[in-house]
Amino acid sequence: MPLPQSYVNLSFFQPPAFMMIGIPGLEAIHGWTAIPFSSLYTVALTGNCLILLAVKRTTSLHQPMYYFLSMLALTDVGLTLSTMPTTLAVLWFDHRLIGFNACLVQMFFLHFFSVVESSVLLAMSFDRFVAISNPLRYAAVLTNNVIIRIGLAIVARATVFLFPVPFLLKRLNFCPGKILLSHSFCFHADVMKQACADITVNIFYGLYVVMSTVGVDSLLIVLSYTLILHTVMGLASPRECIRALNTCISHILAVLVFYIPVIGVSMVHRFGRHLPHIVHSLIAYVYLVVPPVLNPIIYSVKSKPIREAMFRVLKEKRQG
């Protein structure tokens, strides 16, 4: 005999909203912690937008390396805007509720831009490999059409891998009552753990996405730099070696700034369950907030053309 529809509906529950904790243990001083977070978001948005304007307005920067840098800056803007509204709402206004569907949308874009950033860093390592190993054919290999195709492939790849994630969460049954998230944004591992159901599929698919995107990208980046080093070691003079490697310093720093927090987040979520909640929260903030802040600083310090172009943009803005 089939169960009444009302009974079936009662057996499946999805919360209308989640409650975000913010920074566990520091709830009493959220107003003060909002100040450094607001400053970091301002630096991230200003720096990355300046890079985009500098590349757009400076003809001499219309080269493959700077096009990829623009992709990185645009990705960092998206990553910043994915977490900024809810984070500042929690810290400034103590607005902790986020709707279930809104949470899934935020989670999708948060992880989408993370995967895109990993892919862009891989594309930038390929750019450096071509520039160093075959400089005479650099412009012929990385044409504008090739760069556009790489950009479209990066977006398509992230979309294909992450599109199922919200739907895998929507099929889960959640426990009635107040559901607390450990951050001021919707993180996949955090949302997944709130379910009162078997999340084995979600765990394995999440691991598959990480290994197939960030994992593969990191291995290919290491391979690229192994080949770059092999090429550089074959150069005639030490001065040429140093000059070639110097063009990679900014990218190497950007890779470290992104991948070290990624590894930290993965390790903490899988092996650090005994650690205080504030540790999980702070590592997640470092992973999502620090790279968009540091990348413009790294490239403006290490790249003279970018630095000069950014200063010109600022000067034009003041005069305008």
C-alpha atoms as a PDB file:
ATOM      1  CA  MET A   1       0.000   0.000   0.000  1.00  0.00           C
ATOM      2  CA  PRO A   2       1.589   3.371  -0.985  1.00  0.00           C
ATOM      3  CA  LEU A   3       2.270   5.899   1.768  1.00  0.00           C
ATOM      4  CA  PRO A   4       0.121   9.048   1.914  1.00  0.00           C
ATOM      5  CA  GLN A   5       1.700  12.014   0.112  1.00  0.00           C
ATOM      6  CA  SER A   6       1.749  14.069   3.316  1.00  0.00           C
ATOM      7  CA  TYR A   7       3.823  11.380   5.057  1.00  0.00           C
ATOM      8  CA  VAL A   8       6.268  11.226   2.134  1.00  0.00           C
ATOM      9  CA  ASN A   9       6.746  14.997   2.255  1.00  0.00           C
ATOM     10  CA  LEU A  10       7.430  14.866   5.991  1.00  0.00           C
ATOM     11  CA  SER A  11      10.134  12.265   5.487  1.00  0.00           C
ATOM     12  CA  PHE A  12      12.206  14.642   3.338  1.00  0.00           C
ATOM     13  CA  PHE A  13      13.339  18.001   4.671  1.00  0.00           C
ATOM     14  CA  GLN A  14      15.392  20.815   3.225  1.00  0.00           C
ATOM     15  CA  PRO A  15      15.957  23.916   5.351  1.00  0.00           C
ATOM     16  CA  PRO A  16      14.541  27.194   4.024  1.00  0.00           C
ATOM     17  CA  ALA A  17      17.787  28.863   5.136  1.00  0.00           C
ATOM     18  CA  PHE A  18      21.148  28.252   6.765  1.00  0.00           C
ATOM     19  CA  MET A  19      22.568  30.171   9.716  1.00  0.00           C
ATOM     20  CA  MET A  20      26.159  31.329   9.197  1.00  0.00           C
ATOM     21  CA  ILE A  21      28.407  31.532  12.251  1.00  0.00           C
ATOM     22  CA  GLY A  22      31.029  33.821  10.732  1.00  0.00           C
ATOM     23  CA  ILE A  23      34.284  33.368  12.635  1.00  0.00           C
ATOM     24  CA  PRO A  24      33.692  30.841  15.454  1.00  0.00           C
ATOM     25  CA  GLY A  25      34.756  32.153  18.836  1.00  0.00           C
ATOM     26  CA  LEU A  26      35.036  35.743  17.644  1.00  0.00           C
ATOM     27  CA  GLU A  27      31.338  36.545  17.343  1.00  0.00           C
ATOM     28  CA  ALA A  28      31.594  39.254  20.000  1.00  0.00           C
ATOM     29  CA  ILE A  29      34.135  41.250  17.963  1.00  0.00           C
ATOM     30  CA  HIS A  30      32.762  40.713  14.468  1.00  0.00           C
ATOM     31  CA  GLY A  31      32.421  44.486  14.116  1.00  0.00           C
ATOM     32  CA  TRP A  32      36.169  44.890  14.586  1.00  0.00           C
ATOM     33  CA  THR A  33      37.117  41.945  12.371  1.00  0.00           C
ATOM     34  CA  ALA A  34      34.974  43.499   9.636  1.00  0.00           C
ATOM     35  CA  ILE A  35      37.515  46.321   9.284  1.00  0.00           C
ATOM     36  CA  PRO A  36      40.477  44.187   8.075  1.00  0.00           C
ATOM     37  CA  PHE A  37      38.143  42.076   5.917  1.00  0.00           C
ATOM     38  CA  SER A  38      36.703  45.192   4.269  1.00  0.00           C
ATOM     39  CA  SER A  39      40.243  46.445   3.663  1.00  0.00           C
ATOM     40  CA  LEU A  40      41.284  43.129   2.094  1.00  0.00           C
ATOM     41  CA  TYR A  41      38.241  43.069  -0.198  1.00  0.00           C
ATOM     42  CA  THR A  42      38.898  46.681  -1.221  1.00  0.00           C
ATOM     43  CA  VAL A  43      42.541  45.905  -2.050  1.00  0.00           C
ATOM     44  CA  ALA A  44      41.542  42.773  -3.992  1.00  0.00           C
ATOM     45  CA  LEU A  45      38.904  44.522  -6.118  1.00  0.00           C
ATOM     46  CA  THR A  46      40.963  47.680  -6.669  1.00  0.00           C
ATOM     47  CA  GLY A  47      44.179  45.835  -7.553  1.00  0.00           C
ATOM     48  CA  ASN A  48      42.595  43.356  -9.961  1.00  0.00           C
ATOM     49  CA  CYS A  49      40.449  45.995 -11.658  1.00  0.00           C
ATOM     50  CA  LEU A  50      43.558  48.162 -12.102  1.00  0.00           C
ATOM     51  CA  ILE A  51      45.326  45.250 -13.815  1.00  0.00           C
ATOM     52  CA  LEU A  52      42.363  44.762 -16.167  1.00  0.00           C
ATOM     53  CA  LEU A  53      42.277  48.475 -17.032  1.00  0.00           C
ATOM     54  CA  ALA A  54      46.054  48.645 -17.421  1.00  0.00           C
ATOM     55  CA  VAL A  55      46.143  45.747 -19.887  1.00  0.00           C
ATOM     56  CA  LYS A  56      43.140  47.067 -21.794  1.00  0.00           C
ATOM     57  CA  ARG A  57      44.493  50.623 -22.190  1.00  0.00           C
ATOM     58  CA  THR A  58      48.163  49.822 -22.837  1.00  0.00           C
ATOM     59  CA  THR A  59      48.844  48.592 -26.355  1.00  0.00           C
ATOM     60  CA  SER A  60      52.287  47.259 -25.459  1.00  0.00           C
ATOM     61  CA  LEU A  61      50.634  44.863 -22.969  1.00  0.00           C
ATOM     62  CA  HIS A  62      48.497  43.222 -25.657  1.00  0.00           C
ATOM     63  CA  GLN A  63      50.580  40.070 -25.463  1.00  0.00           C
ATOM     64  CA  PRO A  64      49.726  36.476 -24.446  1.00  0.00           C
ATOM     65  CA  MET A  65      51.350  36.732 -20.996  1.00  0.00           C
ATOM     66  CA  TYR A  66      49.288  39.773 -20.063  1.00  0.00           C
ATOM     67  CA  TYR A  67      46.102  38.331 -21.538  1.00  0.00           C
ATOM     68  CA  PHE A  68      46.506  35.371 -19.193  1.00  0.00           C
ATOM     69  CA  LEU A  69      47.209  37.792 -16.345  1.00  0.00           C
ATOM     70  CA  SER A  70      43.920  39.529 -17.202  1.00  0.00           C
ATOM     71  CA  MET A  71      42.154  36.157 -16.973  1.00  0.00           C
ATOM     72  CA  LEU A  72      43.682  35.668 -13.523  1.00  0.00           C
ATOM     73  CA  ALA A  73      42.612  39.151 -12.424  1.00  0.00           C
ATOM     74  CA  LEU A  74      39.064  38.641 -13.725  1.00  0.00           C
ATOM     75  CA  THR A  75      38.875  35.289 -11.911  1.00  0.00           C
ATOM     76  CA  ASP A  76      40.056  36.926  -8.675  1.00  0.00           C
ATOM     77  CA  VAL A  77      37.351  39.581  -9.024  1.00  0.00           C
ATOM     78  CA  GLY A  78      34.757  36.813  -9.382  1.00  0.00           C
ATOM     79  CA  LEU A  79      36.157  34.910  -6.396  1.00  0.00           C
ATOM     80  CA  THR A  80      36.111  38.063  -4.278  1.00  0.00           C
ATOM     81  CA  LEU A  81      32.532  38.937  -5.230  1.00  0.00           C
ATOM     82  CA  SER A  82      31.448  35.341  -4.463  1.00  0.00           C
ATOM     83  CA  THR A  83      32.250  35.644  -0.752  1.00  0.00           C
ATOM     84  CA  MET A  84      32.210  39.387  -0.066  1.00  0.00           C
ATOM     85  CA  PRO A  85      28.421  40.041   0.253  1.00  0.00           C
ATOM     86  CA  THR A  86      27.688  37.382   2.878  1.00  0.00           C
ATOM     87  CA  THR A  87      30.979  37.837   4.733  1.00  0.00           C
ATOM     88  CA  LEU A  88      30.504  41.583   5.190  1.00  0.00           C
ATOM     89  CA  ALA A  89      26.789  41.105   5.940  1.00  0.00           C
ATOM     90  CA  VAL A  90      27.675  38.755   8.812  1.00  0.00           C
ATOM     91  CA  LEU A  91      30.565  40.824  10.156  1.00  0.00           C
ATOM     92  CA  TRP A  92      29.122  44.316   9.737  1.00  0.00           C
ATOM     93  CA  PHE A  93      25.375  43.799  10.218  1.00  0.00           C
ATOM     94  CA  ASP A  94      25.128  40.411  11.966  1.00  0.00           C
ATOM     95  CA  HIS A  95      22.892  39.228   9.104  1.00  0.00           C
ATOM     96  CA  ARG A  96      23.503  35.483   9.339  1.00  0.00           C
ATOM     97  CA  LEU A  97      20.710  33.881   7.305  1.00  0.00           C
ATOM     98  CA  ILE A  98      21.136  32.721   3.716  1.00  0.00           C
ATOM     99  CA  GLY A  99      18.417  30.924   1.757  1.00  0.00           C
ATOM    100  CA  PHE A 100      18.986  27.290   0.810  1.00  0.00           C
ATOM    101  CA  ASN A 101      18.993  27.888  -2.958  1.00  0.00           C
ATOM    102  CA  ALA A 102      21.010  31.106  -2.596  1.00  0.00           C
ATOM    103  CA  CYS A 103      23.558  29.118  -0.612  1.00  0.00           C
ATOM    104  CA  LEU A 104      23.867  26.544  -3.392  1.00  0.00           C
ATOM    105  CA  VAL A 105      24.320  29.288  -5.989  1.00  0.00           C
ATOM    106  CA  GLN A 106      27.040  30.967  -3.926  1.00  0.00           C
ATOM    107  CA  MET A 107      28.738  27.613  -3.356  1.00  0.00           C
ATOM    108  CA  PHE A 108      28.732  26.875  -7.094  1.00  0.00           C
ATOM    109  CA  PHE A 109      30.369  30.173  -8.043  1.00  0.00           C
ATOM    110  CA  LEU A 110      32.832  30.020  -5.167  1.00  0.00           C
ATOM    111  CA  HIS A 111      34.169  26.632  -6.273  1.00  0.00           C
ATOM    112  CA  PHE A 112      33.736  27.507  -9.964  1.00  0.00           C
ATOM    113  CA  PHE A 113      36.139  30.447  -9.706  1.00  0.00           C
ATOM    114  CA  SER A 114      38.560  28.361  -7.634  1.00  0.00           C
ATOM    115  CA  VAL A 115      38.732  25.733 -10.392  1.00  0.00           C
ATOM    116  CA  VAL A 116      39.026  28.456 -13.034  1.00  0.00           C
ATOM    117  CA  GLU A 117      41.932  30.049 -11.132  1.00  0.00           C
ATOM    118  CA  SER A 118      43.744  26.718 -10.999  1.00  0.00           C
ATOM    119  CA  SER A 119      43.246  26.284 -14.751  1.00  0.00           C
ATOM    120  CA  VAL A 120      44.422  29.823 -15.507  1.00  0.00           C
ATOM    121  CA  LEU A 121      47.600  29.229 -13.482  1.00  0.00           C
ATOM    122  CA  LEU A 122      48.179  26.097 -15.569  1.00  0.00           C
ATOM    123  CA  ALA A 123      47.665  28.082 -18.781  1.00  0.00           C
ATOM    124  CA  MET A 124      50.153  30.682 -17.523  1.00  0.00           C
ATOM    125  CA  SER A 125      52.741  27.948 -16.896  1.00  0.00           C
ATOM    126  CA  PHE A 126      52.237  26.747 -20.490  1.00  0.00           C
ATOM    127  CA  ASP A 127      52.711  30.352 -21.639  1.00  0.00           C
ATOM    128  CA  ARG A 128      56.055  30.549 -19.772  1.00  0.00           C
ATOM    129  CA  PHE A 129      57.155  27.173 -21.179  1.00  0.00           C
ATOM    130  CA  VAL A 130      56.501  28.269 -24.786  1.00  0.00           C
ATOM    131  CA  ALA A 131      58.154  31.662 -24.210  1.00  0.00           C
ATOM    132  CA  ILE A 132      61.338  30.099 -22.831  1.00  0.00           C
ATOM    133  CA  SER A 133      61.634  26.904 -24.875  1.00  0.00           C
ATOM    134  CA  ASN A 134      60.641  28.335 -28.253  1.00  0.00           C
ATOM    135  CA  PRO A 135      60.727  32.156 -28.111  1.00  0.00           C
ATOM    136  CA  LEU A 136      60.880  32.611 -31.892  1.00  0.00           C
ATOM    137  CA  ARG A 137      57.517  30.863 -32.345  1.00  0.00           C
ATOM    138  CA  TYR A 138      55.923  32.296 -29.176  1.00  0.00           C
ATOM    139  CA  ALA A 139      53.596  34.713 -30.974  1.00  0.00           C
ATOM    140  CA  ALA A 140      52.775  32.129 -33.648  1.00  0.00           C
ATOM    141  CA  VAL A 141      51.806  29.460 -31.107  1.00  0.00           C
ATOM    142  CA  LEU A 142      49.832  31.665 -28.707  1.00  0.00           C
ATOM    143  CA  THR A 143      47.710  33.644 -31.124  1.00  0.00           C
ATOM    144  CA  ASN A 144      44.632  35.563 -30.019  1.00  0.00           C
ATOM    145  CA  ASN A 145      42.375  32.761 -31.292  1.00  0.00           C
ATOM    146  CA  VAL A 146      44.316  30.173 -29.302  1.00  0.00           C
ATOM    147  CA  ILE A 147      44.089  32.289 -26.149  1.00  0.00           C
ATOM    148  CA  ILE A 148      40.320  32.729 -26.620  1.00  0.00           C
ATOM    149  CA  ARG A 149      39.915  28.962 -27.055  1.00  0.00           C
ATOM    150  CA  ILE A 150      41.950  28.304 -23.932  1.00  0.00           C
ATOM    151  CA  GLY A 151      39.748  30.735 -21.987  1.00  0.00           C
ATOM    152  CA  LEU A 152      36.553  29.121 -23.241  1.00  0.00           C
ATOM    153  CA  ALA A 153      37.912  25.646 -22.467  1.00  0.00           C
ATOM    154  CA  ILE A 154      38.748  26.750 -18.902  1.00  0.00           C
ATOM    155  CA  VAL A 155      35.209  28.040 -18.326  1.00  0.00           C
ATOM    156  CA  ALA A 156      33.622  24.955 -19.931  1.00  0.00           C
ATOM    157  CA  ARG A 157      35.757  22.602 -17.864  1.00  0.00           C
ATOM    158  CA  ALA A 158      34.844  24.266 -14.564  1.00  0.00           C
ATOM    159  CA  THR A 159      31.148  24.344 -15.512  1.00  0.00           C
ATOM    160  CA  VAL A 160      31.020  20.654 -16.475  1.00  0.00           C
ATOM    161  CA  PHE A 161      32.748  19.496 -13.295  1.00  0.00           C
ATOM    162  CA  LEU A 162      30.806  21.700 -10.868  1.00  0.00           C
ATOM    163  CA  PHE A 163      27.324  21.766 -12.401  1.00  0.00           C
ATOM    164  CA  PRO A 164      26.267  18.470 -10.709  1.00  0.00           C
ATOM    165  CA  VAL A 165      27.378  19.584  -7.222  1.00  0.00           C
ATOM    166  CA  PRO A 166      24.306  21.680  -6.254  1.00  0.00           C
ATOM    167  CA  PHE A 167      21.954  18.959  -7.523  1.00  0.00           C
ATOM    168  CA  LEU A 168      23.764  16.276  -5.533  1.00  0.00           C
ATOM    169  CA  LEU A 169      23.168  18.412  -2.442  1.00  0.00           C
ATOM    170  CA  LYS A 170      19.517  19.086  -3.285  1.00  0.00           C
ATOM    171  CA  ARG A 171      18.760  15.356  -3.228  1.00  0.00           C
ATOM    172  CA  LEU A 172      19.919  15.065   0.410  1.00  0.00           C
ATOM    173  CA  ASN A 173      17.655  15.032   3.436  1.00  0.00           C
ATOM    174  CA  PHE A 174      18.545  17.567   6.144  1.00  0.00           C
ATOM    175  CA  CYS A 175      17.635  17.434   9.823  1.00  0.00           C
ATOM    176  CA  PRO A 176      14.878  19.838  10.878  1.00  0.00           C
ATOM    177  CA  GLY A 177      16.070  22.659  13.096  1.00  0.00           C
ATOM    178  CA  LYS A 178      18.617  25.442  12.956  1.00  0.00           C
ATOM    179  CA  ILE A 179      21.466  24.427  10.634  1.00  0.00           C
ATOM    180  CA  LEU A 180      24.728  26.223  11.315  1.00  0.00           C
ATOM    181  CA  LEU A 181      27.482  26.793   8.762  1.00  0.00           C
ATOM    182  CA  SER A 182      31.014  27.214  10.078  1.00  0.00           C
ATOM    183  CA  HIS A 183      31.848  30.161   7.792  1.00  0.00           C
ATOM    184  CA  SER A 184      30.221  33.322   6.492  1.00  0.00           C
ATOM    185  CA  PHE A 185      29.791  31.737   3.061  1.00  0.00           C
ATOM    186  CA  CYS A 186      28.632  28.398   1.675  1.00  0.00           C
ATOM    187  CA  PHE A 187      31.506  25.938   1.390  1.00  0.00           C
ATOM    188  CA  HIS A 188      30.745  22.544  -0.159  1.00  0.00           C
ATOM    189  CA  ALA A 189      32.277  20.451   2.637  1.00  0.00           C
ATOM    190  CA  ASP A 190      30.492  22.552   5.261  1.00  0.00           C
ATOM    191  CA  VAL A 191      27.046  22.311   3.625  1.00  0.00           C
ATOM    192  CA  MET A 192      27.439  18.612   2.872  1.00  0.00           C
ATOM    193  CA  LYS A 193      28.119  17.758   6.526  1.00  0.00           C
ATOM    194  CA  GLN A 194      24.803  19.291   7.619  1.00  0.00           C
ATOM    195  CA  ALA A 195      22.794  16.537   5.889  1.00  0.00           C
ATOM    196  CA  CYS A 196      21.111  13.736   7.841  1.00  0.00           C
ATOM    197  CA  ALA A 197      21.706  11.260   5.013  1.00  0.00           C
ATOM    198  CA  ASP A 198      24.356   9.163   3.387  1.00  0.00           C
ATOM    199  CA  ILE A 199      26.804  11.617   1.764  1.00  0.00           C
ATOM    200  CA  THR A 200      29.181   9.011   0.321  1.00  0.00           C
ATOM    201  CA  VAL A 201      28.363  10.017  -3.263  1.00  0.00           C
ATOM    202  CA  ASN A 202      28.940  13.680  -2.436  1.00  0.00           C
ATOM    203  CA  ILE A 203      32.266  12.945  -0.757  1.00  0.00           C
ATOM    204  CA  PHE A 204      33.572  10.853  -3.633  1.00  0.00           C
ATOM    205  CA  TYR A 205      32.359  13.266  -6.299  1.00  0.00           C
ATOM    206  CA  GLY A 206      33.910  16.203  -4.430  1.00  0.00           C
ATOM    207  CA  LEU A 207      37.198  14.293  -4.203  1.00  0.00           C
ATOM    208  CA  TYR A 208      36.952  13.401  -7.907  1.00  0.00           C
ATOM    209  CA  VAL A 209      36.460  17.074  -8.841  1.00  0.00           C
ATOM    210  CA  VAL A 210      39.420  18.190  -6.726  1.00  0.00           C
ATOM    211  CA  MET A 211      41.732  15.490  -8.083  1.00  0.00           C
ATOM    212  CA  SER A 212      40.611  15.992 -11.704  1.00  0.00           C
ATOM    213  CA  THR A 213      41.015  19.769 -11.646  1.00  0.00           C
ATOM    214  CA  VAL A 214      43.318  21.189  -8.989  1.00  0.00           C
ATOM    215  CA  GLY A 215      45.217  17.896  -8.615  1.00  0.00           C
ATOM    216  CA  VAL A 216      45.857  17.440 -12.331  1.00  0.00           C
ATOM    217  CA  ASP A 217      46.640  21.139 -12.786  1.00  0.00           C
ATOM    218  CA  SER A 218      49.254  21.122 -10.020  1.00  0.00           C
ATOM    219  CA  LEU A 219      50.997  18.067 -11.525  1.00  0.00           C
ATOM    220  CA  LEU A 220      51.047  19.646 -14.986  1.00  0.00           C
ATOM    221  CA  ILE A 221      52.413  22.902 -13.552  1.00  0.00           C
ATOM    222  CA  VAL A 222      55.232  20.940 -11.892  1.00  0.00           C
ATOM    223  CA  LEU A 223      55.859  19.169 -15.219  1.00  0.00           C
ATOM    224  CA  SER A 224      55.938  22.525 -17.041  1.00  0.00           C
ATOM    225  CA  TYR A 225      58.554  23.917 -14.677  1.00  0.00           C
ATOM    226  CA  THR A 226      60.585  20.720 -14.893  1.00  0.00           C
ATOM    227  CA  LEU A 227      60.720  21.212 -18.663  1.00  0.00           C
ATOM    228  CA  ILE A 228      61.443  24.926 -18.208  1.00  0.00           C
ATOM    229  CA  LEU A 229      64.377  24.149 -15.906  1.00  0.00           C
ATOM    230  CA  HIS A 230      65.677  21.571 -18.383  1.00  0.00           C
ATOM    231  CA  THR A 231      65.538  24.205 -21.132  1.00  0.00           C
ATOM    232  CA  VAL A 232      67.118  26.903 -18.971  1.00  0.00           C
ATOM    233  CA  MET A 233      69.998  24.636 -17.938  1.00  0.00           C
ATOM    234  CA  GLY A 234      70.839  24.242 -21.593  1.00  0.00           C
ATOM    235  CA  LEU A 235      71.341  27.984 -22.110  1.00  0.00           C
ATOM    236  CA  ALA A 236      74.853  29.177 -22.813  1.00  0.00           C
ATOM    237  CA  SER A 237      75.430  31.745 -20.059  1.00  0.00           C
ATOM    238  CA  PRO A 238      74.318  32.033 -16.398  1.00  0.00           C
ATOM    239  CA  ARG A 239      73.016  35.531 -17.153  1.00  0.00           C
ATOM    240  CA  GLU A 240      70.597  34.120 -19.748  1.00  0.00           C
ATOM    241  CA  CYS A 241      69.472  31.464 -17.246  1.00  0.00           C
ATOM    242  CA  ILE A 242      68.719  34.087 -14.604  1.00  0.00           C
ATOM    243  CA  ARG A 243      66.945  36.322 -17.110  1.00  0.00           C
ATOM    244  CA  ALA A 244      64.745  33.441 -18.291  1.00  0.00           C
ATOM    245  CA  LEU A 245      63.885  32.310 -14.766  1.00  0.00           C
ATOM    246  CA  ASN A 246      63.168  35.885 -13.688  1.00  0.00           C
ATOM    247  CA  THR A 247      60.216  35.980 -16.100  1.00  0.00           C
ATOM    248  CA  CYS A 248      58.682  33.081 -14.114  1.00  0.00           C
ATOM    249  CA  ILE A 249      59.049  34.484 -10.577  1.00  0.00           C
ATOM    250  CA  SER A 250      55.666  36.245 -10.491  1.00  0.00           C
ATOM    251  CA  HIS A 251      53.863  33.157 -11.736  1.00  0.00           C
ATOM    252  CA  ILE A 252      55.667  30.870  -9.274  1.00  0.00           C
ATOM    253  CA  LEU A 253      54.642  33.146  -6.384  1.00  0.00           C
ATOM    254  CA  ALA A 254      51.027  33.220  -7.633  1.00  0.00           C
ATOM    255  CA  VAL A 255      51.030  29.401  -7.816  1.00  0.00           C
ATOM    256  CA  LEU A 256      52.320  29.135  -4.233  1.00  0.00           C
ATOM    257  CA  VAL A 257      49.810  31.717  -2.965  1.00  0.00           C
ATOM    258  CA  PHE A 258      46.952  29.680  -4.459  1.00  0.00           C
ATOM    259  CA  TYR A 259      48.017  26.064  -3.950  1.00  0.00           C
ATOM    260  CA  ILE A 260      49.410  26.229  -0.397  1.00  0.00           C
ATOM    261  CA  PRO A 261      46.021  27.339   1.062  1.00  0.00           C
ATOM    262  CA  VAL A 262      44.225  24.790  -1.187  1.00  0.00           C
ATOM    263  CA  ILE A 263      46.352  21.996   0.256  1.00  0.00           C
ATOM    264  CA  GLY A 264      45.759  23.388   3.757  1.00  0.00           C
ATOM    265  CA  VAL A 265      41.973  23.417   3.305  1.00  0.00           C
ATOM    266  CA  SER A 266      41.945  19.871   1.920  1.00  0.00           C
ATOM    267  CA  MET A 267      44.138  18.520   4.721  1.00  0.00           C
ATOM    268  CA  VAL A 268      42.155  20.220   7.479  1.00  0.00           C
ATOM    269  CA  HIS A 269      38.782  19.054   6.183  1.00  0.00           C
ATOM    270  CA  ARG A 270      39.933  15.448   5.820  1.00  0.00           C
ATOM    271  CA  PHE A 271      42.349  14.977   8.712  1.00  0.00           C
ATOM    272  CA  GLY A 272      41.804  17.895  11.095  1.00  0.00           C
ATOM    273  CA  ARG A 273      38.374  17.159  12.536  1.00  0.00           C
ATOM    274  CA  HIS A 274      39.794  17.422  16.058  1.00  0.00           C
ATOM    275  CA  LEU A 275      41.064  20.964  15.424  1.00  0.00           C
ATOM    276  CA  PRO A 276      39.095  23.961  16.761  1.00  0.00           C
ATOM    277  CA  HIS A 277      36.442  25.361  14.413  1.00  0.00           C
ATOM    278  CA  ILE A 278      38.284  28.673  14.221  1.00  0.00           C
ATOM    279  CA  VAL A 279      41.229  26.916  12.524  1.00  0.00           C
ATOM    280  CA  HIS A 280      38.938  25.536   9.786  1.00  0.00           C
ATOM    281  CA  SER A 281      37.377  28.957   9.358  1.00  0.00           C
ATOM    282  CA  LEU A 282      40.627  30.923   9.152  1.00  0.00           C
ATOM    283  CA  ILE A 283      42.218  28.517   6.649  1.00  0.00           C
ATOM    284  CA  ALA A 284      39.130  28.797   4.440  1.00  0.00           C
ATOM    285  CA  TYR A 285      39.349  32.605   4.572  1.00  0.00           C
ATOM    286  CA  VAL A 286      43.052  32.464   3.675  1.00  0.00           C
ATOM    287  CA  TYR A 287      42.225  30.177   0.729  1.00  0.00           C
ATOM    288  CA  LEU A 288      39.482  32.438  -0.645  1.00  0.00           C
ATOM    289  CA  VAL A 289      40.564  35.970   0.306  1.00  0.00           C
ATOM    290  CA  VAL A 290      44.375  36.034   0.265  1.00  0.00           C
ATOM    291  CA  PRO A 291      45.132  35.058  -3.401  1.00  0.00           C
ATOM    292  CA  PRO A 292      42.951  37.838  -4.901  1.00  0.00           C
ATOM    293  CA  VAL A 293      44.685  40.308  -2.569  1.00  0.00           C
ATOM    294  CA  LEU A 294      48.270  39.189  -3.194  1.00  0.00           C
ATOM    295  CA  ASN A 295      48.211  38.485  -6.945  1.00  0.00           C
ATOM    296  CA  PRO A 296      47.965  42.167  -8.020  1.00  0.00           C
ATOM    297  CA  ILE A 297      50.661  43.075  -5.491  1.00  0.00           C
ATOM    298  CA  ILE A 298      52.982  40.325  -6.748  1.00  0.00           C
ATOM    299  CA  TYR A 299      52.593  41.305 -10.405  1.00  0.00           C
ATOM    300  CA  SER A 300      52.796  45.049  -9.784  1.00  0.00           C
ATOM    301  CA  VAL A 301      56.030  44.605  -7.797  1.00  0.00           C
ATOM    302  CA  LYS A 302      57.728  42.051 -10.071  1.00  0.00           C
ATOM    303  CA  SER A 303      56.553  43.317 -13.469  1.00  0.00           C
ATOM    304  CA  LYS A 304      57.703  46.819 -14.386  1.00  0.00           C
ATOM    305  CA  PRO A 305      55.381  47.146 -17.442  1.00  0.00           C
ATOM    306  CA  ILE A 306      52.340  46.260 -15.318  1.00  0.00           C
ATOM    307  CA  ARG A 307      53.419  48.599 -12.532  1.00  0.00           C
ATOM    308  CA  GLU A 308      53.924  51.534 -14.895  1.00  0.00           C
ATOM    309  CA  ALA A 309      50.623  50.880 -16.683  1.00  0.00           C
ATOM    310  CA  MET A 310      48.752  50.741 -13.353  1.00  0.00           C
ATOM    311  CA  PHE A 311      50.295  54.077 -12.305  1.00  0.00           C
ATOM    312  CA  ARG A 312      49.210  55.613 -15.614  1.00  0.00           C
ATOM    313  CA  VAL A 313      45.646  54.421 -15.061  1.00  0.00           C
ATOM    314  CA  LEU A 314      45.634  55.913 -11.551  1.00  0.00           C
ATOM    315  CA  LYS A 315      47.041  59.190 -12.873  1.00  0.00           C
ATOM    316  CA  GLU A 316      44.370  59.361 -15.577  1.00  0.00           C
ATOM    317  CA  LYS A 317      41.671  58.714 -12.978  1.00  0.00           C
ATOM    318  CA  ARG A 318      42.925  61.567 -10.792  1.00  0.00           C
ATOM    319  CA  GLN A 319      43.124  63.974 -13.728  1.00  0.00           C
ATOM    320  CA  GLY A 320      39.687  62.897 -14.960  1.00  0.00           C
END
